[in-house]
Amino acid sequence: MTKSFYALYQLENLMSANAEKVLQEALNLSPQDRAEILERLLATFQQPPDTKLDELWAQEAEDRIDAFDRGELGSVSDEAVFARIERQRAK
C-alpha cells in the first residue's frame, strides 16, 4: 500500500457518507474545476481574511499580466502543464 493510498484510505474512513459522495463527485471534475473548489475550500480556513496577502497576490497577478503584455513573460497551455504533472507522477 503506497503512502498516498494509505492517507486516502484513512481520510475516507473519517469522512461522513455525504462528504465521501461530494469527494467522489469532485474527483470526476476537470482539473480546473477541482482547483477552483480547492481554492474556495481553503479560503474558508483563513480567519480572518488576510487582506494584505490578498493585495500582494493581486499585485503579483497584475505584474505578470503586464509583463506578458510587454512580451517579457511567455505562457504555457494548461494541457502542457497537466501533461508535465502526469509525466512527473508516472516516474
Protein backbone atom coordinates (compact mmCIF):
# COMPACT_ATOMS: atom_id res chain seq x y z
CA MET A 1 0.00 0.00 0.00
CA THR A 2 1.56 3.32 -1.08
CA LYS A 3 1.78 6.23 1.31
CA SER A 4 -0.72 8.34 -0.65
CA PHE A 5 -3.16 5.43 -0.95
CA TYR A 6 -2.90 4.82 2.79
CA ALA A 7 -3.52 8.52 3.51
CA LEU A 8 -6.57 8.49 1.24
CA TYR A 9 -7.79 5.28 2.88
CA GLN A 10 -7.53 6.89 6.32
CA LEU A 11 -9.28 10.04 5.09
CA GLU A 12 -12.12 8.04 3.58
CA ASN A 13 -12.66 6.22 6.85
CA LEU A 14 -13.00 9.51 8.72
CA MET A 15 -15.44 11.21 6.36
CA SER A 16 -19.19 11.02 6.54
CA ALA A 17 -21.08 9.32 3.74
CA ASN A 18 -22.17 12.74 2.46
CA ALA A 19 -18.59 14.03 2.41
CA GLU A 20 -17.46 10.88 0.61
CA LYS A 21 -20.15 11.42 -2.04
CA VAL A 22 -19.07 15.04 -2.53
CA LEU A 23 -15.43 13.95 -2.83
CA GLN A 24 -16.21 11.30 -5.43
CA GLU A 25 -18.22 13.82 -7.48
CA ALA A 26 -15.41 16.38 -7.21
CA LEU A 27 -12.83 13.86 -8.39
CA ASN A 28 -14.80 13.49 -11.63
CA LEU A 29 -14.49 17.22 -12.41
CA SER A 30 -11.87 18.78 -14.64
CA PRO A 31 -8.56 19.75 -13.05
CA GLN A 32 -9.51 23.41 -13.39
CA ASP A 33 -12.83 22.91 -11.59
CA ARG A 34 -11.14 20.88 -8.84
CA ALA A 35 -8.56 23.65 -8.38
CA GLU A 36 -11.31 26.26 -8.08
CA ILE A 37 -13.15 24.17 -5.48
CA LEU A 38 -9.91 23.62 -3.58
CA GLU A 39 -9.16 27.34 -3.56
CA ARG A 40 -12.62 28.17 -2.25
CA LEU A 41 -12.47 25.49 0.44
CA LEU A 42 -9.03 26.58 1.61
CA ALA A 43 -10.24 30.18 1.79
CA THR A 44 -12.81 29.13 4.40
CA PHE A 45 -9.96 28.26 6.79
CA GLN A 46 -8.45 31.73 6.58
CA GLN A 47 -9.80 33.53 9.64
CA PRO A 48 -9.84 36.47 9.44
CA PRO A 49 -9.06 37.06 5.75
CA ASP A 50 -5.52 38.30 5.19
CA THR A 51 -6.20 41.44 3.17
CA LYS A 52 -2.50 42.31 2.88
CA LEU A 53 -1.73 38.89 1.39
CA ASP A 54 -4.68 39.24 -0.98
CA GLU A 55 -3.39 42.65 -2.08
CA LEU A 56 0.10 41.23 -2.67
CA TRP A 57 -1.25 38.36 -4.79
CA ALA A 58 -3.44 40.77 -6.77
CA GLN A 59 -0.40 42.98 -7.45
CA GLU A 60 1.66 39.93 -8.46
CA ALA A 61 -1.06 38.88 -10.89
CA GLU A 62 -1.21 42.38 -12.38
CA ASP A 63 2.58 42.50 -12.70
CA ARG A 64 2.60 39.16 -14.51
CA ILE A 65 -0.16 40.26 -16.89
CA ASP A 66 1.75 43.46 -17.64
CA ALA A 67 4.97 41.50 -18.24
CA PHE A 68 3.10 39.13 -20.57
CA ASP A 69 1.59 42.07 -22.47
CA ARG A 70 5.08 43.58 -22.88
CA GLY A 71 6.38 40.26 -24.23
CA GLU A 72 8.65 39.71 -21.22
CA LEU A 73 6.80 36.64 -19.99
CA GLY A 74 5.69 33.63 -22.00
CA SER A 75 2.83 31.26 -21.37
CA VAL A 76 2.26 27.53 -21.25
CA SER A 77 -1.05 25.90 -22.13
CA ASP A 78 -2.97 24.13 -19.39
CA GLU A 79 -2.72 20.92 -21.43
CA ALA A 80 1.08 21.16 -21.39
CA VAL A 81 1.14 21.86 -17.65
CA PHE A 82 -1.10 18.91 -16.77
CA ALA A 83 0.80 16.62 -19.15
CA ARG A 84 4.03 17.55 -17.37
CA ILE A 85 2.44 16.84 -13.99
CA GLU A 86 1.26 13.44 -15.21
CA ARG A 87 4.75 12.60 -16.53
CA GLN A 88 6.27 13.52 -13.18
CA ARG A 89 3.71 11.42 -11.30
CA ALA A 90 4.48 8.43 -13.53
CA LYS A 91 8.16 8.46 -12.50
